[in-house]
Amino acid sequence: MSKIQRFFLNLLVFLQVAIVVTGGAVRLTGSGLGCPTWPECTPGSITPVPGQIEGTLHSWIEFGNRLLTFALVFAALAVIVIVLKNRARELRWLAFGQFAGIFGQGILGGITVLTNLNPIPVAGHFLLSIILIAGALSLRQRAFGKDLRVPLKPLTQKVARVVVLISVLVIILGTVVTGNGPHAGDAQAKRFNFDERLIAQIHADVVIIFVLLTIALLFAVRMIEPSEIQRKFGRKVSLLLLVSLSQGVIGYVQYFNGVPILLVGFHLLGATLVWISSWNLAITGKVFRK
């Protein structure tokens, strides 16, 4: 595989992560309705116009996030060409899935704007990004020949599977906490209105379970897997544990300090990194394959 092909496969993963971060910036700066219509930014104009009531900064922050979608489309099309050129038939569904998912994100983004940032499509927007990140990462690893190389023992595989599934639950609960919090993207946006302490406590409890299971997985790898597996797979489990602990610290600090914008932004990035580390376990250790 050439350097340019590797570049586009890496770029696709990077942009899928970047659009999550920029989407978070839109929400945290209150720019969620900086472009109040869709697919246009304002009625009659694709781009922001001078004197918008939403404010120049807010409109361009939101429009910048929309522009990143075009970069994603370009990267996805490039990856499709690479897969077809290399006749990698086993990767076609992943490559075309990226393009379809990005198209779906555009529609879901439109629904989010047209429903005035209702927390349900906002959460769906993020969760779809999580799926697309997993797909882009799987595509990259398989194209590079880096997955399906670590045959785990049944016990380790089962614990790893639970860890990955719990990480999904952690992320879903995180979207509920976010949809219940103050950073909605616009002052008038609807919130879930759950009990704030209760939903935050449930999320925190599941995070603790997740971290403990990750520690248990690390012990399982160290105790029952051969040295080569310990080196390959144990390193990935250790990375997941480190990222998860860091994310947990940020979560607690932000909660007890009134969820300041900067820490919330780091927490969003941390959630994405936790997911990448978790999904790496799945594709490296055949976690969901017999």
Protein backbone atom coordinates (compact mmCIF):
# COMPACT_ATOMS: atom_id res chain seq x y z
CA MET A 1 0.00 0.00 0.00
CA SER A 2 1.41 3.38 -1.03
CA LYS A 3 2.02 6.33 1.29
CA ILE A 4 -0.80 8.33 -0.29
CA GLN A 5 -3.24 5.47 0.29
CA ARG A 6 -2.15 5.22 3.91
CA PHE A 7 -2.55 8.96 4.20
CA PHE A 8 -6.21 8.90 3.15
CA LEU A 9 -7.02 5.96 5.44
CA ASN A 10 -5.48 7.85 8.35
CA LEU A 11 -7.17 11.06 7.27
CA LEU A 12 -10.60 9.43 7.33
CA VAL A 13 -10.13 8.34 10.95
CA PHE A 14 -8.77 11.77 11.91
CA LEU A 15 -11.65 13.65 10.30
CA GLN A 16 -14.27 11.39 11.89
CA VAL A 17 -12.77 12.32 15.26
CA ALA A 18 -12.30 15.97 14.32
CA ILE A 19 -15.95 16.46 13.40
CA VAL A 20 -16.95 15.23 16.87
CA VAL A 21 -14.62 17.77 18.46
CA THR A 22 -15.76 20.64 16.23
CA GLY A 23 -19.37 19.63 16.82
CA GLY A 24 -18.67 19.90 20.53
CA ALA A 25 -17.19 23.36 19.96
CA VAL A 26 -20.42 24.38 18.22
CA ARG A 27 -22.44 23.28 21.22
CA LEU A 28 -20.12 24.67 23.88
CA THR A 29 -19.92 28.12 22.27
CA GLY A 30 -23.70 28.35 21.95
CA SER A 31 -23.44 28.27 18.15
CA GLY A 32 -25.82 25.38 17.53
CA LEU A 33 -28.25 27.62 15.69
CA GLY A 34 -25.61 29.91 14.21
CA CYS A 35 -26.98 28.69 10.89
CA PRO A 36 -30.72 28.54 11.68
CA THR A 37 -31.77 26.66 8.53
CA TRP A 38 -30.64 23.57 6.63
CA PRO A 39 -29.17 22.79 4.12
CA GLU A 40 -28.70 26.56 3.71
CA CYS A 41 -27.11 28.56 6.50
CA THR A 42 -29.74 31.30 6.23
CA PRO A 43 -32.75 31.50 3.90
CA GLY A 44 -31.35 32.14 0.43
CA SER A 45 -27.67 31.70 1.34
CA ILE A 46 -25.49 28.63 1.80
CA THR A 47 -22.91 30.69 3.72
CA PRO A 48 -23.37 33.08 6.65
CA VAL A 49 -24.34 36.62 5.71
CA PRO A 50 -23.25 39.90 7.32
CA GLY A 51 -25.50 41.13 10.09
CA GLN A 52 -27.05 37.77 10.98
CA ILE A 53 -29.07 38.04 14.18
CA GLU A 54 -27.29 34.90 15.43
CA GLY A 55 -23.98 36.77 15.38
CA THR A 56 -21.03 36.53 13.01
CA LEU A 57 -18.89 34.36 15.28
CA HIS A 58 -21.67 31.86 16.05
CA SER A 59 -22.71 31.57 12.42
CA TRP A 60 -19.17 30.91 11.19
CA ILE A 61 -18.45 28.38 13.94
CA GLU A 62 -21.54 26.40 12.91
CA PHE A 63 -20.78 26.83 9.21
CA GLY A 64 -17.19 25.68 9.77
CA ASN A 65 -18.47 22.46 11.26
CA ARG A 66 -20.68 21.95 8.22
CA LEU A 67 -17.73 22.55 5.89
CA LEU A 68 -15.79 19.77 7.60
CA THR A 69 -18.45 17.37 6.32
CA PHE A 70 -17.30 18.10 2.76
CA ALA A 71 -13.74 17.19 3.73
CA LEU A 72 -15.09 13.95 5.17
CA VAL A 73 -16.98 13.19 1.96
CA PHE A 74 -13.80 13.74 -0.06
CA ALA A 75 -11.78 11.46 2.24
CA ALA A 76 -14.48 8.76 2.14
CA LEU A 77 -14.61 8.86 -1.68
CA ALA A 78 -10.82 8.62 -1.82
CA VAL A 79 -10.91 5.56 0.44
CA ILE A 80 -13.58 3.94 -1.75
CA VAL A 81 -11.31 4.43 -4.78
CA ILE A 82 -8.39 2.92 -2.84
CA VAL A 83 -10.42 -0.13 -1.83
CA LEU A 84 -11.71 -0.68 -5.37
CA LYS A 85 -8.27 -0.15 -6.89
CA ASN A 86 -6.73 -2.72 -4.55
CA ARG A 87 -9.63 -5.10 -5.20
CA ALA A 88 -10.12 -5.48 -1.46
CA ARG A 89 -13.63 -6.92 -1.69
CA GLU A 90 -13.76 -7.66 2.04
CA LEU A 91 -13.36 -3.93 2.75
CA ARG A 92 -15.99 -2.62 0.37
CA TRP A 93 -18.87 -2.64 2.81
CA LEU A 94 -16.78 -0.69 5.33
CA ALA A 95 -15.73 1.88 2.73
CA PHE A 96 -19.22 2.41 1.30
CA GLY A 97 -20.60 2.39 4.83
CA GLN A 98 -18.46 5.43 5.63
CA PHE A 99 -19.92 7.35 2.71
CA ALA A 100 -23.48 6.33 3.58
CA GLY A 101 -22.94 7.22 7.22
CA ILE A 102 -21.60 10.67 6.39
CA PHE A 103 -24.66 11.25 4.20
CA GLY A 104 -26.82 10.12 7.12
CA GLN A 105 -25.00 12.55 9.40
CA GLY A 106 -25.91 15.39 7.07
CA ILE A 107 -29.58 14.47 7.27
CA LEU A 108 -29.45 14.01 11.03
CA GLY A 109 -27.65 17.34 11.36
CA GLY A 110 -30.48 18.97 9.44
CA ILE A 111 -33.05 17.37 11.74
CA THR A 112 -31.06 18.64 14.73
CA VAL A 113 -31.18 22.21 13.44
CA LEU A 114 -34.82 22.07 12.32
CA THR A 115 -35.89 20.72 15.75
CA ASN A 116 -33.99 23.54 17.48
CA LEU A 117 -31.34 21.25 18.97
CA ASN A 118 -33.66 18.71 20.49
CA PRO A 119 -31.39 16.51 22.68
CA ILE A 120 -32.56 13.27 21.06
CA PRO A 121 -31.22 13.98 17.53
CA VAL A 122 -28.20 15.71 19.11
CA ALA A 123 -27.41 12.48 20.96
CA GLY A 124 -28.09 10.47 17.80
CA HIS A 125 -25.69 12.73 15.89
CA PHE A 126 -22.91 11.89 18.34
CA LEU A 127 -23.69 8.18 18.51
CA LEU A 128 -23.64 7.90 14.72
CA SER A 129 -20.20 9.51 14.79
CA ILE A 130 -19.09 6.85 17.27
CA ILE A 131 -20.24 4.14 14.85
CA LEU A 132 -18.45 5.84 11.95
CA ILE A 133 -15.25 6.17 13.98
CA ALA A 134 -15.39 2.44 14.71
CA GLY A 135 -15.93 1.72 11.02
CA ALA A 136 -13.11 4.00 9.90
CA LEU A 137 -10.75 2.47 12.46
CA SER A 138 -11.67 -1.07 11.43
CA LEU A 139 -11.19 -0.16 7.78
CA ARG A 140 -7.78 1.34 8.49
CA GLN A 141 -6.57 -1.56 10.62
CA ARG A 142 -7.73 -4.21 8.17
CA ALA A 143 -6.27 -2.35 5.19
CA PHE A 144 -2.96 -2.10 7.06
CA GLY A 145 -3.16 -5.77 8.06
CA LYS A 146 -3.08 -4.92 11.76
CA ASP A 147 -6.22 -6.62 13.03
CA LEU A 148 -7.24 -10.24 13.56
CA ARG A 149 -3.75 -11.15 14.74
CA VAL A 150 -4.29 -11.82 18.44
CA PRO A 151 -6.11 -15.09 19.23
CA LEU A 152 -7.25 -14.69 22.84
CA LYS A 153 -8.15 -17.44 25.23
CA PRO A 154 -11.93 -17.79 25.79
CA LEU A 155 -11.93 -16.15 29.25
CA THR A 156 -9.93 -13.12 28.10
CA GLN A 157 -12.09 -12.78 25.03
CA LYS A 158 -15.29 -12.81 27.07
CA VAL A 159 -14.02 -10.20 29.53
CA ALA A 160 -12.82 -8.02 26.64
CA ARG A 161 -16.24 -8.32 25.00
CA VAL A 162 -17.95 -7.13 28.17
CA VAL A 163 -15.49 -4.22 28.45
CA VAL A 164 -16.30 -3.07 24.92
CA LEU A 165 -20.05 -3.40 25.48
CA ILE A 166 -19.87 -1.48 28.77
CA SER A 167 -17.91 1.26 27.01
CA VAL A 168 -20.88 1.63 24.64
CA LEU A 169 -23.22 1.97 27.64
CA VAL A 170 -20.91 4.57 29.18
CA ILE A 171 -21.04 6.62 25.98
CA ILE A 172 -24.83 6.37 25.69
CA LEU A 173 -25.28 7.47 29.30
CA GLY A 174 -22.83 10.29 28.63
CA THR A 175 -25.11 11.63 25.89
CA VAL A 176 -28.01 11.57 28.34
CA VAL A 177 -25.97 13.52 30.89
CA THR A 178 -24.99 15.98 28.16
CA GLY A 179 -28.59 16.33 26.99
CA ASN A 180 -29.52 17.11 30.57
CA GLY A 181 -26.74 19.65 31.12
CA PRO A 182 -26.36 23.39 30.56
CA HIS A 183 -24.34 23.37 27.32
CA ALA A 184 -27.14 22.84 24.81
CA GLY A 185 -25.77 24.87 21.91
CA ASP A 186 -28.44 27.53 22.33
CA ALA A 187 -30.09 29.11 25.36
CA GLN A 188 -33.57 28.14 24.16
CA ALA A 189 -32.78 24.50 23.31
CA LYS A 190 -34.86 21.80 24.95
CA ARG A 191 -33.29 19.63 27.69
CA PHE A 192 -34.11 16.13 28.95
CA ASN A 193 -34.94 17.49 32.43
CA PHE A 194 -33.97 14.33 34.30
CA ASP A 195 -32.79 14.55 37.87
CA GLU A 196 -29.30 15.99 37.40
CA ARG A 197 -27.63 14.25 40.31
CA LEU A 198 -29.29 10.90 39.65
CA ILE A 199 -28.33 10.65 35.98
CA ALA A 200 -24.79 11.87 36.71
CA GLN A 201 -24.47 9.28 39.49
CA ILE A 202 -25.70 6.45 37.25
CA HIS A 203 -23.17 7.49 34.61
CA ALA A 204 -20.37 7.65 37.18
CA ASP A 205 -21.28 4.23 38.61
CA VAL A 206 -21.15 2.61 35.18
CA VAL A 207 -17.80 4.30 34.53
CA ILE A 208 -16.45 2.77 37.76
CA ILE A 209 -17.68 -0.66 36.66
CA PHE A 210 -16.05 -0.10 33.29
CA VAL A 211 -12.69 0.82 34.84
CA LEU A 212 -12.79 -2.16 37.22
CA LEU A 213 -13.56 -4.52 34.35
CA THR A 214 -10.69 -3.04 32.35
CA ILE A 215 -8.38 -3.72 35.31
CA ALA A 216 -9.74 -7.28 35.49
CA LEU A 217 -9.06 -7.68 31.78
CA LEU A 218 -5.50 -6.50 32.25
CA PHE A 219 -4.99 -9.07 35.03
CA ALA A 220 -6.49 -11.81 32.84
CA VAL A 221 -4.10 -10.96 30.02
CA ARG A 222 -1.12 -10.96 32.37
CA MET A 223 -2.07 -14.22 34.08
CA ILE A 224 -3.34 -16.56 31.36
CA GLU A 225 -2.11 -15.29 28.00
CA PRO A 226 1.30 -16.17 26.54
CA SER A 227 4.01 -13.51 26.53
CA GLU A 228 3.49 -12.51 22.89
CA ILE A 229 -0.22 -11.88 23.49
CA GLN A 230 0.60 -9.99 26.66
CA ARG A 231 2.84 -7.70 24.65
CA LYS A 232 0.41 -7.08 21.77
CA PHE A 233 -2.95 -7.07 23.49
CA GLY A 234 -1.88 -6.09 27.02
CA ARG A 235 -0.42 -2.85 25.72
CA LYS A 236 -3.79 -1.91 24.23
CA VAL A 237 -5.61 -2.77 27.46
CA SER A 238 -3.12 -0.66 29.44
CA LEU A 239 -3.72 2.26 27.08
CA LEU A 240 -7.48 1.92 27.50
CA LEU A 241 -7.08 1.90 31.28
CA LEU A 242 -4.87 5.00 31.22
CA VAL A 243 -7.23 6.93 28.94
CA SER A 244 -10.27 5.85 30.99
CA LEU A 245 -8.73 6.91 34.29
CA SER A 246 -7.78 10.29 32.82
CA GLN A 247 -11.29 10.68 31.45
CA GLY A 248 -12.76 9.80 34.84
CA VAL A 249 -10.65 12.44 36.56
CA ILE A 250 -11.76 15.09 34.05
CA GLY A 251 -15.38 14.03 34.54
CA TYR A 252 -15.28 14.39 38.31
CA VAL A 253 -13.39 17.70 38.19
CA GLN A 254 -15.81 19.21 35.68
CA TYR A 255 -18.85 18.03 37.65
CA PHE A 256 -17.70 19.51 40.94
CA ASN A 257 -16.67 22.79 39.28
CA GLY A 258 -19.92 23.52 37.50
CA VAL A 259 -19.03 21.93 34.12
CA PRO A 260 -16.77 24.71 32.73
CA ILE A 261 -16.66 24.83 28.96
CA LEU A 262 -12.97 24.00 28.56
CA LEU A 263 -13.17 20.88 30.72
CA VAL A 264 -16.35 19.75 28.98
CA GLY A 265 -14.50 20.04 25.68
CA PHE A 266 -11.64 17.90 26.99
CA HIS A 267 -14.19 15.42 28.34
CA LEU A 268 -15.78 15.12 24.90
CA LEU A 269 -12.40 14.49 23.32
CA GLY A 270 -11.63 12.01 26.10
CA ALA A 271 -14.84 10.09 25.42
CA THR A 272 -13.82 9.74 21.79
CA LEU A 273 -10.34 8.52 22.76
CA VAL A 274 -11.82 6.01 25.21
CA TRP A 275 -14.01 4.66 22.42
CA ILE A 276 -11.09 4.41 20.00
CA SER A 277 -9.04 2.54 22.62
CA SER A 278 -11.98 0.27 23.43
CA TRP A 279 -12.78 -0.52 19.80
CA ASN A 280 -9.11 -1.29 19.21
CA LEU A 281 -9.54 -4.17 21.65
CA ALA A 282 -12.46 -5.49 19.62
CA ILE A 283 -10.69 -5.46 16.28
CA THR A 284 -7.33 -6.62 17.62
CA GLY A 285 -8.53 -9.51 19.77
CA LYS A 286 -11.37 -10.90 17.65
CA VAL A 287 -13.63 -9.95 20.56
CA PHE A 288 -16.85 -10.37 18.59
CA ARG A 289 -15.71 -13.31 16.46
CA LYS A 290 -15.45 -16.94 17.35
